[in-house]
Amino acid sequence: MSQPAKTCIIGDGAMATVLALLLESKGMDVTLWGVFPDHLAELIQTRENRRYLPGYRLPDRIHVTPSEQRALGGAELIVNAVPTQFIRSVWQRIAPHVAAGTPIASIAKGVETDTTLRPTQIIADVLDSPGPLAAISGPSVADELARCLPATVCAASEHAAFAEKLQQTFTTHWFRVYTNNDLLGTELAGATKNVIALAAGILDGLQAGNNAKSALLSRGLAEITRLGSAMGASTETFFGVAGVGDLATTCFSPTGRNRTCGEQLGRGRKLDTVLNEMPGVVEGVPTTKAVVELAKKFNVEMPITQTVHKVLFEGLDPLEGISQLMNREPKPETIG
């Protein structure tokens, strides 16, 4: 199975840069495009993403361009690396330059607040004739990937041949790619784990201890699995690398934006202040709104997510939120 002759990465953040470096190291033709001309100009001039991934030089063979036509012309694979809440507007802009049937893989992790659509669903909603769609998801801290530290992710698609092609395209001696056909579960796991990571950060900010954090991860996994099952996803997905694997990394990584945001909230800081000071997008904040709507729609009990929503948007004190969770009615433990 041959590798795509040209890959276009839509986005200019840390993960977009890491994947460009990975593909270039395999000798592939890679083009990076983003919506901010000033940032692209800086990338072209300095060959370094100083804003989101400082310290790693972009080889000259990685093309960076502000032109949608140049970026997408002749592309045999498109990778979406745009934060979820901006996917619709960005893809509406580039849609005229996307050739019908071009395969598209998304690495975004979130749910659109206005529609509760997942990233690949948003893209399909925008394009007239989308090609096969996939999600690449799993525990993947950008700085660790840039240092070629071992990592494992999953390429999920309803088109088995496309998932296998992505596996071949992205696999290296330090980056292992599994495949599955549960696109729904893989994208939902990647989105909901950011909500649980906010809660994990809140516990860190409150210095609640490792017992509390481990309990949060296990019960958080239970409730996001319940939602996935109700929506038709495979339960197994939530116990794989795209589920519990990604959840654990996001909740414990000191550099994770969602956990860090939660930690600041646990220390008593206001959400608007925290978001204004953080580089990049904290996907879990808007996704919390969308997941609460999904829980209502599918009649799924999600107490941790509901509590995070109250802390973020209803003024609930984080310490009071923990107290409410601990004092819920006693019941048997259930998973999924």
C-alpha atoms as a PDB file:
ATOM      1  CA  MET A   1       0.000   0.000   0.000  1.00  0.00           C
ATOM      2  CA  SER A   2       1.703   3.184  -1.178  1.00  0.00           C
ATOM      3  CA  GLN A   3       2.058   6.319   0.912  1.00  0.00           C
ATOM      4  CA  PRO A   4       0.322   9.535  -0.249  1.00  0.00           C
ATOM      5  CA  ALA A   5       2.544  11.623  -2.535  1.00  0.00           C
ATOM      6  CA  LYS A   6       1.450  14.866  -0.877  1.00  0.00           C
ATOM      7  CA  THR A   7      -0.077  15.470   2.539  1.00  0.00           C
ATOM      8  CA  CYS A   8      -1.614  18.790   3.537  1.00  0.00           C
ATOM      9  CA  ILE A   9      -1.926  19.567   7.240  1.00  0.00           C
ATOM     10  CA  ILE A  10      -4.607  22.116   8.075  1.00  0.00           C
ATOM     11  CA  GLY A  11      -3.496  23.927  11.221  1.00  0.00           C
ATOM     12  CA  ASP A  12      -0.319  25.454  12.639  1.00  0.00           C
ATOM     13  CA  GLY A  13      -0.361  24.357  16.271  1.00  0.00           C
ATOM     14  CA  ALA A  14       1.860  21.967  18.189  1.00  0.00           C
ATOM     15  CA  MET A  15       0.341  18.706  16.928  1.00  0.00           C
ATOM     16  CA  ALA A  16       0.207  19.967  13.345  1.00  0.00           C
ATOM     17  CA  THR A  17       3.910  20.746  13.591  1.00  0.00           C
ATOM     18  CA  VAL A  18       4.763  17.395  15.179  1.00  0.00           C
ATOM     19  CA  LEU A  19       2.956  15.447  12.477  1.00  0.00           C
ATOM     20  CA  ALA A  20       4.654  17.491   9.782  1.00  0.00           C
ATOM     21  CA  LEU A  21       8.020  16.604  11.339  1.00  0.00           C
ATOM     22  CA  LEU A  22       7.048  12.927  11.575  1.00  0.00           C
ATOM     23  CA  LEU A  23       5.939  12.651   7.952  1.00  0.00           C
ATOM     24  CA  GLU A  24       8.926  14.601   6.672  1.00  0.00           C
ATOM     25  CA  SER A  25      11.239  12.220   8.534  1.00  0.00           C
ATOM     26  CA  LYS A  26       9.729   9.428   6.431  1.00  0.00           C
ATOM     27  CA  GLY A  27      10.579  11.270   3.240  1.00  0.00           C
ATOM     28  CA  MET A  28       7.062  12.449   2.478  1.00  0.00           C
ATOM     29  CA  ASP A  29       5.950  15.661   0.782  1.00  0.00           C
ATOM     30  CA  VAL A  30       4.276  17.741   3.526  1.00  0.00           C
ATOM     31  CA  THR A  31       2.607  21.143   3.351  1.00  0.00           C
ATOM     32  CA  LEU A  32       1.473  23.106   6.407  1.00  0.00           C
ATOM     33  CA  TRP A  33      -1.330  25.678   6.159  1.00  0.00           C
ATOM     34  CA  GLY A  34      -3.038  27.825   8.773  1.00  0.00           C
ATOM     35  CA  VAL A  35      -5.476  30.699   9.032  1.00  0.00           C
ATOM     36  CA  PHE A  36      -3.107  33.254  10.561  1.00  0.00           C
ATOM     37  CA  PRO A  37      -0.782  34.819   7.930  1.00  0.00           C
ATOM     38  CA  ASP A  38       1.445  36.471  10.555  1.00  0.00           C
ATOM     39  CA  HIS A  39       2.153  33.157  12.255  1.00  0.00           C
ATOM     40  CA  LEU A  40       2.791  31.422   8.943  1.00  0.00           C
ATOM     41  CA  ALA A  41       5.197  34.218   7.967  1.00  0.00           C
ATOM     42  CA  GLU A  42       7.070  33.656  11.224  1.00  0.00           C
ATOM     43  CA  LEU A  43       7.236  29.915  10.537  1.00  0.00           C
ATOM     44  CA  ILE A  44       8.576  30.539   7.051  1.00  0.00           C
ATOM     45  CA  GLN A  45      11.180  33.021   8.284  1.00  0.00           C
ATOM     46  CA  THR A  46      12.401  31.250  11.437  1.00  0.00           C
ATOM     47  CA  ARG A  47      11.571  27.622  10.531  1.00  0.00           C
ATOM     48  CA  GLU A  48      10.453  27.177  14.144  1.00  0.00           C
ATOM     49  CA  ASN A  49       7.005  27.158  15.754  1.00  0.00           C
ATOM     50  CA  ARG A  50       8.015  29.419  18.621  1.00  0.00           C
ATOM     51  CA  ARG A  51       4.425  30.036  19.659  1.00  0.00           C
ATOM     52  CA  TYR A  52       3.290  26.431  20.180  1.00  0.00           C
ATOM     53  CA  LEU A  53       6.307  24.105  19.897  1.00  0.00           C
ATOM     54  CA  PRO A  54       9.548  26.014  20.454  1.00  0.00           C
ATOM     55  CA  GLY A  55      12.926  24.381  20.087  1.00  0.00           C
ATOM     56  CA  TYR A  56      12.319  22.206  17.019  1.00  0.00           C
ATOM     57  CA  ARG A  57      13.416  23.306  13.564  1.00  0.00           C
ATOM     58  CA  LEU A  58      11.196  22.697  10.562  1.00  0.00           C
ATOM     59  CA  PRO A  59      13.284  21.153   7.773  1.00  0.00           C
ATOM     60  CA  ASP A  60      13.248  23.050   4.509  1.00  0.00           C
ATOM     61  CA  ARG A  61      11.388  20.163   2.869  1.00  0.00           C
ATOM     62  CA  ILE A  62       8.272  21.017   4.921  1.00  0.00           C
ATOM     63  CA  HIS A  63       6.372  23.574   2.854  1.00  0.00           C
ATOM     64  CA  VAL A  64       4.574  26.347   4.737  1.00  0.00           C
ATOM     65  CA  THR A  65       2.140  28.488   2.774  1.00  0.00           C
ATOM     66  CA  PRO A  66      -0.755  30.909   3.413  1.00  0.00           C
ATOM     67  CA  SER A  67      -2.290  29.920   0.070  1.00  0.00           C
ATOM     68  CA  GLU A  68      -5.151  27.424   0.268  1.00  0.00           C
ATOM     69  CA  GLN A  69      -4.722  26.608  -3.419  1.00  0.00           C
ATOM     70  CA  ARG A  70      -1.026  25.805  -3.104  1.00  0.00           C
ATOM     71  CA  ALA A  71      -1.519  23.835   0.098  1.00  0.00           C
ATOM     72  CA  LEU A  72      -4.389  21.690  -1.108  1.00  0.00           C
ATOM     73  CA  GLY A  73      -3.616  21.387  -4.789  1.00  0.00           C
ATOM     74  CA  GLY A  74      -2.666  17.800  -5.541  1.00  0.00           C
ATOM     75  CA  ALA A  75      -3.060  16.670  -1.928  1.00  0.00           C
ATOM     76  CA  GLU A  76      -3.718  12.932  -1.605  1.00  0.00           C
ATOM     77  CA  LEU A  77      -4.278  13.154   2.156  1.00  0.00           C
ATOM     78  CA  ILE A  78      -5.553  16.029   4.300  1.00  0.00           C
ATOM     79  CA  VAL A  79      -4.999  16.115   8.052  1.00  0.00           C
ATOM     80  CA  ASN A  80      -7.307  18.326  10.095  1.00  0.00           C
ATOM     81  CA  ALA A  81      -5.433  19.820  13.061  1.00  0.00           C
ATOM     82  CA  VAL A  82      -7.841  22.695  13.749  1.00  0.00           C
ATOM     83  CA  PRO A  83      -9.455  22.974  17.219  1.00  0.00           C
ATOM     84  CA  THR A  84     -12.995  21.649  17.113  1.00  0.00           C
ATOM     85  CA  GLN A  85     -14.894  24.906  17.635  1.00  0.00           C
ATOM     86  CA  PHE A  86     -13.133  26.439  14.607  1.00  0.00           C
ATOM     87  CA  ILE A  87     -13.350  23.483  12.211  1.00  0.00           C
ATOM     88  CA  ARG A  88     -16.564  24.640  10.532  1.00  0.00           C
ATOM     89  CA  SER A  89     -15.360  28.152   9.673  1.00  0.00           C
ATOM     90  CA  VAL A  90     -11.922  26.972   8.515  1.00  0.00           C
ATOM     91  CA  TRP A  91     -13.298  24.178   6.335  1.00  0.00           C
ATOM     92  CA  GLN A  92     -15.911  26.486   4.830  1.00  0.00           C
ATOM     93  CA  ARG A  93     -12.991  28.663   3.752  1.00  0.00           C
ATOM     94  CA  ILE A  94     -10.898  25.885   2.242  1.00  0.00           C
ATOM     95  CA  ALA A  95     -13.759  23.773   0.835  1.00  0.00           C
ATOM     96  CA  PRO A  96     -13.482  25.153  -2.722  1.00  0.00           C
ATOM     97  CA  HIS A  97      -9.900  23.860  -2.874  1.00  0.00           C
ATOM     98  CA  VAL A  98     -10.582  20.354  -1.515  1.00  0.00           C
ATOM     99  CA  ALA A  99     -10.826  17.872  -4.374  1.00  0.00           C
ATOM    100  CA  ALA A 100     -13.863  15.590  -4.193  1.00  0.00           C
ATOM    101  CA  GLY A 101     -13.085  12.247  -2.593  1.00  0.00           C
ATOM    102  CA  THR A 102      -9.818  13.303  -0.940  1.00  0.00           C
ATOM    103  CA  PRO A 103      -9.209  11.191   2.208  1.00  0.00           C
ATOM    104  CA  ILE A 104      -9.276  13.242   5.427  1.00  0.00           C
ATOM    105  CA  ALA A 105      -7.925  12.351   8.871  1.00  0.00           C
ATOM    106  CA  SER A 106      -8.698  14.504  11.906  1.00  0.00           C
ATOM    107  CA  ILE A 107      -6.679  14.816  15.098  1.00  0.00           C
ATOM    108  CA  ALA A 108      -9.063  17.305  16.765  1.00  0.00           C
ATOM    109  CA  LYS A 109     -10.591  16.281  20.102  1.00  0.00           C
ATOM    110  CA  GLY A 110     -13.881  17.920  20.951  1.00  0.00           C
ATOM    111  CA  VAL A 111     -17.584  18.305  20.206  1.00  0.00           C
ATOM    112  CA  GLU A 112     -19.045  21.348  18.460  1.00  0.00           C
ATOM    113  CA  THR A 113     -21.174  23.246  20.961  1.00  0.00           C
ATOM    114  CA  ASP A 114     -23.876  24.502  18.579  1.00  0.00           C
ATOM    115  CA  THR A 115     -24.532  21.124  16.924  1.00  0.00           C
ATOM    116  CA  THR A 116     -22.961  18.439  19.212  1.00  0.00           C
ATOM    117  CA  LEU A 117     -21.214  17.118  16.086  1.00  0.00           C
ATOM    118  CA  ARG A 118     -17.815  15.432  16.228  1.00  0.00           C
ATOM    119  CA  PRO A 119     -14.877  16.722  14.115  1.00  0.00           C
ATOM    120  CA  THR A 120     -15.325  14.331  11.185  1.00  0.00           C
ATOM    121  CA  GLN A 121     -19.065  14.992  11.211  1.00  0.00           C
ATOM    122  CA  ILE A 122     -18.443  18.738  10.957  1.00  0.00           C
ATOM    123  CA  ILE A 123     -16.125  18.236   7.998  1.00  0.00           C
ATOM    124  CA  ALA A 124     -18.652  15.973   6.274  1.00  0.00           C
ATOM    125  CA  ASP A 125     -21.341  18.573   6.928  1.00  0.00           C
ATOM    126  CA  VAL A 126     -19.283  21.268   5.190  1.00  0.00           C
ATOM    127  CA  LEU A 127     -17.964  19.359   2.157  1.00  0.00           C
ATOM    128  CA  ASP A 128     -20.140  18.366  -0.790  1.00  0.00           C
ATOM    129  CA  SER A 129     -18.264  15.153  -1.625  1.00  0.00           C
ATOM    130  CA  PRO A 130     -15.962  14.164   1.230  1.00  0.00           C
ATOM    131  CA  GLY A 131     -13.650  11.212   0.816  1.00  0.00           C
ATOM    132  CA  PRO A 132     -13.160   8.582   3.506  1.00  0.00           C
ATOM    133  CA  LEU A 133     -12.910  10.080   6.978  1.00  0.00           C
ATOM    134  CA  ALA A 134     -10.842   8.994   9.966  1.00  0.00           C
ATOM    135  CA  ALA A 135      -9.729  10.095  13.405  1.00  0.00           C
ATOM    136  CA  ILE A 136      -6.225   9.669  14.782  1.00  0.00           C
ATOM    137  CA  SER A 137      -6.390   9.730  18.562  1.00  0.00           C
ATOM    138  CA  GLY A 138      -4.596   8.517  21.648  1.00  0.00           C
ATOM    139  CA  PRO A 139      -2.117   9.620  24.329  1.00  0.00           C
ATOM    140  CA  SER A 140       0.052  12.006  22.352  1.00  0.00           C
ATOM    141  CA  VAL A 141       1.713  14.912  24.176  1.00  0.00           C
ATOM    142  CA  ALA A 142       3.208  17.050  21.411  1.00  0.00           C
ATOM    143  CA  ASP A 143       6.540  17.837  23.074  1.00  0.00           C
ATOM    144  CA  GLU A 144       7.161  14.147  23.797  1.00  0.00           C
ATOM    145  CA  LEU A 145       6.399  13.252  20.182  1.00  0.00           C
ATOM    146  CA  ALA A 146       8.752  15.959  18.973  1.00  0.00           C
ATOM    147  CA  ARG A 147      11.495  14.245  21.012  1.00  0.00           C
ATOM    148  CA  CYS A 148      10.564  10.903  19.416  1.00  0.00           C
ATOM    149  CA  LEU A 149       9.587   9.355  22.741  1.00  0.00           C
ATOM    150  CA  PRO A 150       7.521   6.152  22.376  1.00  0.00           C
ATOM    151  CA  ALA A 151       3.797   6.694  21.821  1.00  0.00           C
ATOM    152  CA  THR A 152       0.799   4.739  20.589  1.00  0.00           C
ATOM    153  CA  VAL A 153      -2.399   6.004  18.952  1.00  0.00           C
ATOM    154  CA  CYS A 154      -5.350   4.613  17.039  1.00  0.00           C
ATOM    155  CA  ALA A 155      -6.488   5.361  13.479  1.00  0.00           C
ATOM    156  CA  ALA A 156     -10.250   4.852  13.385  1.00  0.00           C
ATOM    157  CA  SER A 157     -12.352   4.828  10.245  1.00  0.00           C
ATOM    158  CA  GLU A 158     -15.451   3.153   8.880  1.00  0.00           C
ATOM    159  CA  HIS A 159     -13.297   2.480   5.800  1.00  0.00           C
ATOM    160  CA  ALA A 160     -10.900  -0.271   6.849  1.00  0.00           C
ATOM    161  CA  ALA A 161      -8.537   0.303   3.921  1.00  0.00           C
ATOM    162  CA  PHE A 162      -8.155   3.980   4.835  1.00  0.00           C
ATOM    163  CA  ALA A 163      -7.382   3.156   8.477  1.00  0.00           C
ATOM    164  CA  GLU A 164      -4.732   0.710   7.314  1.00  0.00           C
ATOM    165  CA  LYS A 165      -3.256   3.313   4.987  1.00  0.00           C
ATOM    166  CA  LEU A 166      -3.014   5.802   7.840  1.00  0.00           C
ATOM    167  CA  GLN A 167      -1.353   3.116   9.938  1.00  0.00           C
ATOM    168  CA  GLN A 168       1.295   2.632   7.272  1.00  0.00           C
ATOM    169  CA  THR A 169       1.695   6.362   6.695  1.00  0.00           C
ATOM    170  CA  PHE A 170       2.239   7.415  10.300  1.00  0.00           C
ATOM    171  CA  THR A 171       3.908   4.401  11.915  1.00  0.00           C
ATOM    172  CA  THR A 172       7.581   4.792  12.827  1.00  0.00           C
ATOM    173  CA  HIS A 173       9.924   2.911  15.153  1.00  0.00           C
ATOM    174  CA  TRP A 174       8.745   5.187  18.006  1.00  0.00           C
ATOM    175  CA  PHE A 175       5.147   5.945  16.950  1.00  0.00           C
ATOM    176  CA  ARG A 176       2.865   2.891  16.837  1.00  0.00           C
ATOM    177  CA  VAL A 177      -0.539   3.120  15.167  1.00  0.00           C
ATOM    178  CA  TYR A 178      -3.385   0.660  15.756  1.00  0.00           C
ATOM    179  CA  THR A 179      -6.580   0.571  13.678  1.00  0.00           C
ATOM    180  CA  ASN A 180     -10.254   0.139  14.488  1.00  0.00           C
ATOM    181  CA  ASN A 181     -13.623   0.793  12.852  1.00  0.00           C
ATOM    182  CA  ASP A 182     -15.217   2.685  15.754  1.00  0.00           C
ATOM    183  CA  LEU A 183     -14.943   6.265  14.530  1.00  0.00           C
ATOM    184  CA  LEU A 184     -17.751   7.402  16.841  1.00  0.00           C
ATOM    185  CA  GLY A 185     -16.190   5.914  19.967  1.00  0.00           C
ATOM    186  CA  THR A 186     -12.684   7.096  19.152  1.00  0.00           C
ATOM    187  CA  GLU A 187     -13.729  10.710  18.612  1.00  0.00           C
ATOM    188  CA  LEU A 188     -16.087  10.704  21.597  1.00  0.00           C
ATOM    189  CA  ALA A 189     -13.394   9.292  23.883  1.00  0.00           C
ATOM    190  CA  GLY A 190     -10.941  11.961  22.732  1.00  0.00           C
ATOM    191  CA  ALA A 191     -13.464  14.701  23.430  1.00  0.00           C
ATOM    192  CA  THR A 192     -14.847  13.571  26.777  1.00  0.00           C
ATOM    193  CA  LYS A 193     -11.469  12.837  28.331  1.00  0.00           C
ATOM    194  CA  ASN A 194     -10.756  16.582  28.191  1.00  0.00           C
ATOM    195  CA  VAL A 195     -13.727  17.198  30.491  1.00  0.00           C
ATOM    196  CA  ILE A 196     -12.414  14.657  33.002  1.00  0.00           C
ATOM    197  CA  ALA A 197      -8.955  16.236  32.707  1.00  0.00           C
ATOM    198  CA  LEU A 198     -10.418  19.572  33.798  1.00  0.00           C
ATOM    199  CA  ALA A 199     -11.768  17.812  36.885  1.00  0.00           C
ATOM    200  CA  ALA A 200      -8.380  16.162  37.500  1.00  0.00           C
ATOM    201  CA  GLY A 201      -6.716  19.552  37.366  1.00  0.00           C
ATOM    202  CA  ILE A 202      -9.230  20.956  39.822  1.00  0.00           C
ATOM    203  CA  LEU A 203      -8.267  18.169  42.255  1.00  0.00           C
ATOM    204  CA  ASP A 204      -4.600  19.048  41.746  1.00  0.00           C
ATOM    205  CA  GLY A 205      -5.331  22.699  42.468  1.00  0.00           C
ATOM    206  CA  LEU A 206      -7.157  21.731  45.645  1.00  0.00           C
ATOM    207  CA  GLN A 207      -4.357  19.306  46.607  1.00  0.00           C
ATOM    208  CA  ALA A 208      -6.982  16.586  47.032  1.00  0.00           C
ATOM    209  CA  GLY A 209      -4.432  13.768  46.703  1.00  0.00           C
ATOM    210  CA  ASN A 210      -3.791  10.732  44.539  1.00  0.00           C
ATOM    211  CA  ASN A 211      -6.629   8.664  45.988  1.00  0.00           C
ATOM    212  CA  ALA A 212      -9.141  11.237  44.818  1.00  0.00           C
ATOM    213  CA  LYS A 213      -7.522  11.571  41.404  1.00  0.00           C
ATOM    214  CA  SER A 214      -7.435   7.824  40.792  1.00  0.00           C
ATOM    215  CA  ALA A 215     -11.083   7.566  41.806  1.00  0.00           C
ATOM    216  CA  LEU A 216     -11.894  10.411  39.439  1.00  0.00           C
ATOM    217  CA  LEU A 217     -10.204   8.659  36.513  1.00  0.00           C
ATOM    218  CA  SER A 218     -12.009   5.378  37.139  1.00  0.00           C
ATOM    219  CA  ARG A 219     -15.434   6.935  37.639  1.00  0.00           C
ATOM    220  CA  GLY A 220     -14.825   9.409  34.820  1.00  0.00           C
ATOM    221  CA  LEU A 221     -14.076   6.504  32.515  1.00  0.00           C
ATOM    222  CA  ALA A 222     -17.300   4.833  33.649  1.00  0.00           C
ATOM    223  CA  GLU A 223     -19.474   7.794  32.770  1.00  0.00           C
ATOM    224  CA  ILE A 224     -17.917   8.570  29.397  1.00  0.00           C
ATOM    225  CA  THR A 225     -18.234   4.871  28.542  1.00  0.00           C
ATOM    226  CA  ARG A 226     -21.917   5.015  29.460  1.00  0.00           C
ATOM    227  CA  LEU A 227     -22.396   7.911  27.075  1.00  0.00           C
ATOM    228  CA  GLY A 228     -20.515   6.168  24.296  1.00  0.00           C
ATOM    229  CA  SER A 229     -22.528   2.993  24.717  1.00  0.00           C
ATOM    230  CA  ALA A 230     -25.806   4.930  24.635  1.00  0.00           C
ATOM    231  CA  MET A 231     -24.716   6.633  21.410  1.00  0.00           C
ATOM    232  CA  GLY A 232     -23.804   3.341  19.728  1.00  0.00           C
ATOM    233  CA  ALA A 233     -20.029   3.248  20.223  1.00  0.00           C
ATOM    234  CA  SER A 234     -18.100   0.118  21.170  1.00  0.00           C
ATOM    235  CA  THR A 235     -17.380  -0.176  24.893  1.00  0.00           C
ATOM    236  CA  GLU A 236     -13.998  -1.704  24.051  1.00  0.00           C
ATOM    237  CA  THR A 237     -12.841   1.575  22.492  1.00  0.00           C
ATOM    238  CA  PHE A 238     -12.996   3.334  25.858  1.00  0.00           C
ATOM    239  CA  PHE A 239     -10.676   0.729  27.401  1.00  0.00           C
ATOM    240  CA  GLY A 240      -8.058   1.074  24.646  1.00  0.00           C
ATOM    241  CA  VAL A 241      -5.373   3.631  23.812  1.00  0.00           C
ATOM    242  CA  ALA A 242      -7.925   6.130  22.463  1.00  0.00           C
ATOM    243  CA  GLY A 243      -9.922   5.842  25.683  1.00  0.00           C
ATOM    244  CA  VAL A 244      -8.297   5.113  29.021  1.00  0.00           C
ATOM    245  CA  GLY A 245      -4.820   5.578  27.530  1.00  0.00           C
ATOM    246  CA  ASP A 246      -5.531   9.124  26.406  1.00  0.00           C
ATOM    247  CA  LEU A 247      -7.507   9.841  29.569  1.00  0.00           C
ATOM    248  CA  ALA A 248      -4.610   8.905  31.848  1.00  0.00           C
ATOM    249  CA  THR A 249      -2.054  10.982  29.944  1.00  0.00           C
ATOM    250  CA  THR A 250      -4.295  14.035  29.794  1.00  0.00           C
ATOM    251  CA  CYS A 251      -5.109  13.880  33.498  1.00  0.00           C
ATOM    252  CA  PHE A 252      -1.502  13.468  34.642  1.00  0.00           C
ATOM    253  CA  SER A 253       0.607  15.366  32.100  1.00  0.00           C
ATOM    254  CA  PRO A 254       1.939  18.597  33.657  1.00  0.00           C
ATOM    255  CA  THR A 255       1.847  20.299  30.243  1.00  0.00           C
ATOM    256  CA  GLY A 256      -1.733  19.370  29.311  1.00  0.00           C
ATOM    257  CA  ARG A 257      -3.853  22.490  28.763  1.00  0.00           C
ATOM    258  CA  ASN A 258      -7.073  21.003  30.137  1.00  0.00           C
ATOM    259  CA  ARG A 259      -5.508  19.674  33.334  1.00  0.00           C
ATOM    260  CA  THR A 260      -3.576  22.926  33.788  1.00  0.00           C
ATOM    261  CA  CYS A 261      -6.716  24.995  33.318  1.00  0.00           C
ATOM    262  CA  GLY A 262      -8.508  22.892  35.919  1.00  0.00           C
ATOM    263  CA  GLU A 263      -5.614  23.263  38.345  1.00  0.00           C
ATOM    264  CA  GLN A 264      -5.818  27.050  38.123  1.00  0.00           C
ATOM    265  CA  LEU A 265      -9.557  26.896  38.783  1.00  0.00           C
ATOM    266  CA  GLY A 266      -8.914  24.679  41.798  1.00  0.00           C
ATOM    267  CA  ARG A 267      -6.590  27.354  43.134  1.00  0.00           C
ATOM    268  CA  GLY A 268      -9.413  29.863  43.029  1.00  0.00           C
ATOM    269  CA  ARG A 269      -8.718  31.687  39.779  1.00  0.00           C
ATOM    270  CA  LYS A 270     -11.491  32.762  37.412  1.00  0.00           C
ATOM    271  CA  LEU A 271     -12.078  30.913  34.138  1.00  0.00           C
ATOM    272  CA  ASP A 272     -11.838  33.966  31.866  1.00  0.00           C
ATOM    273  CA  THR A 273      -8.511  34.965  33.395  1.00  0.00           C
ATOM    274  CA  VAL A 274      -7.083  31.481  33.032  1.00  0.00           C
ATOM    275  CA  LEU A 275      -8.170  31.127  29.395  1.00  0.00           C
ATOM    276  CA  ASN A 276      -6.791  34.541  28.459  1.00  0.00           C
ATOM    277  CA  GLU A 277      -3.370  33.638  29.843  1.00  0.00           C
ATOM    278  CA  MET A 278      -3.071  30.161  28.330  1.00  0.00           C
ATOM    279  CA  PRO A 279      -1.488  29.582  24.908  1.00  0.00           C
ATOM    280  CA  GLY A 280      -3.675  27.617  22.533  1.00  0.00           C
ATOM    281  CA  VAL A 281      -7.218  26.374  22.980  1.00  0.00           C
ATOM    282  CA  VAL A 282      -8.533  24.563  26.057  1.00  0.00           C
ATOM    283  CA  GLU A 283     -10.838  22.181  24.176  1.00  0.00           C
ATOM    284  CA  GLY A 284     -12.454  20.767  27.298  1.00  0.00           C
ATOM    285  CA  VAL A 285     -14.187  24.020  28.239  1.00  0.00           C
ATOM    286  CA  PRO A 286     -16.586  24.335  25.279  1.00  0.00           C
ATOM    287  CA  THR A 287     -16.777  20.546  24.963  1.00  0.00           C
ATOM    288  CA  THR A 288     -18.198  20.362  28.497  1.00  0.00           C
ATOM    289  CA  LYS A 289     -21.247  22.283  27.284  1.00  0.00           C
ATOM    290  CA  ALA A 290     -21.689  19.919  24.333  1.00  0.00           C
ATOM    291  CA  VAL A 291     -21.260  16.754  26.414  1.00  0.00           C
ATOM    292  CA  VAL A 292     -23.884  17.937  28.907  1.00  0.00           C
ATOM    293  CA  GLU A 293     -26.283  18.334  25.978  1.00  0.00           C
ATOM    294  CA  LEU A 294     -25.431  14.847  24.702  1.00  0.00           C
ATOM    295  CA  ALA A 295     -26.016  13.406  28.175  1.00  0.00           C
ATOM    296  CA  LYS A 296     -29.475  15.007  28.226  1.00  0.00           C
ATOM    297  CA  LYS A 297     -30.267  13.818  24.704  1.00  0.00           C
ATOM    298  CA  PHE A 298     -29.312  10.212  25.414  1.00  0.00           C
ATOM    299  CA  ASN A 299     -30.525  10.206  29.035  1.00  0.00           C
ATOM    300  CA  VAL A 300     -27.126   9.316  30.517  1.00  0.00           C
ATOM    301  CA  GLU A 301     -26.119  10.108  34.087  1.00  0.00           C
ATOM    302  CA  MET A 302     -22.753  11.948  34.102  1.00  0.00           C
ATOM    303  CA  PRO A 303     -22.226  13.438  37.584  1.00  0.00           C
ATOM    304  CA  ILE A 304     -18.570  14.420  37.109  1.00  0.00           C
ATOM    305  CA  THR A 305     -19.284  16.171  33.817  1.00  0.00           C
ATOM    306  CA  GLN A 306     -22.296  17.923  35.332  1.00  0.00           C
ATOM    307  CA  THR A 307     -20.176  19.128  38.248  1.00  0.00           C
ATOM    308  CA  VAL A 308     -17.440  20.430  35.944  1.00  0.00           C
ATOM    309  CA  HIS A 309     -20.139  22.295  33.996  1.00  0.00           C
ATOM    310  CA  LYS A 310     -21.370  23.913  37.213  1.00  0.00           C
ATOM    311  CA  VAL A 311     -17.844  24.971  38.169  1.00  0.00           C
ATOM    312  CA  LEU A 312     -17.120  26.397  34.713  1.00  0.00           C
ATOM    313  CA  PHE A 313     -20.392  28.133  33.939  1.00  0.00           C
ATOM    314  CA  GLU A 314     -22.621  28.280  37.026  1.00  0.00           C
ATOM    315  CA  GLY A 315     -20.270  29.645  39.685  1.00  0.00           C
ATOM    316  CA  LEU A 316     -20.025  26.468  41.787  1.00  0.00           C
ATOM    317  CA  ASP A 317     -17.060  26.511  44.154  1.00  0.00           C
ATOM    318  CA  PRO A 318     -14.720  23.601  43.229  1.00  0.00           C
ATOM    319  CA  LEU A 319     -14.491  22.416  46.839  1.00  0.00           C
ATOM    320  CA  GLU A 320     -18.280  22.347  47.105  1.00  0.00           C
ATOM    321  CA  GLY A 321     -18.365  20.383  43.853  1.00  0.00           C
ATOM    322  CA  ILE A 322     -16.198  17.651  45.376  1.00  0.00           C
ATOM    323  CA  SER A 323     -18.421  17.585  48.451  1.00  0.00           C
ATOM    324  CA  GLN A 324     -21.521  17.117  46.297  1.00  0.00           C
ATOM    325  CA  LEU A 325     -19.926  14.231  44.400  1.00  0.00           C
ATOM    326  CA  MET A 326     -18.771  12.508  47.594  1.00  0.00           C
ATOM    327  CA  ASN A 327     -22.202  12.794  49.186  1.00  0.00           C
ATOM    328  CA  ARG A 328     -24.219  11.308  46.354  1.00  0.00           C
ATOM    329  CA  GLU A 329     -26.512   8.407  47.237  1.00  0.00           C
ATOM    330  CA  PRO A 330     -24.544   5.160  47.855  1.00  0.00           C
ATOM    331  CA  LYS A 331     -24.936   2.600  45.060  1.00  0.00           C
ATOM    332  CA  PRO A 332     -23.171  -0.440  43.522  1.00  0.00           C
ATOM    333  CA  GLU A 333     -20.248   0.277  41.226  1.00  0.00           C
ATOM    334  CA  THR A 334     -21.121  -0.041  37.553  1.00  0.00           C
ATOM    335  CA  ILE A 335     -18.927   0.360  34.484  1.00  0.00           C
ATOM    336  CA  GLY A 336     -20.460   1.416  31.192  1.00  0.00           C
END
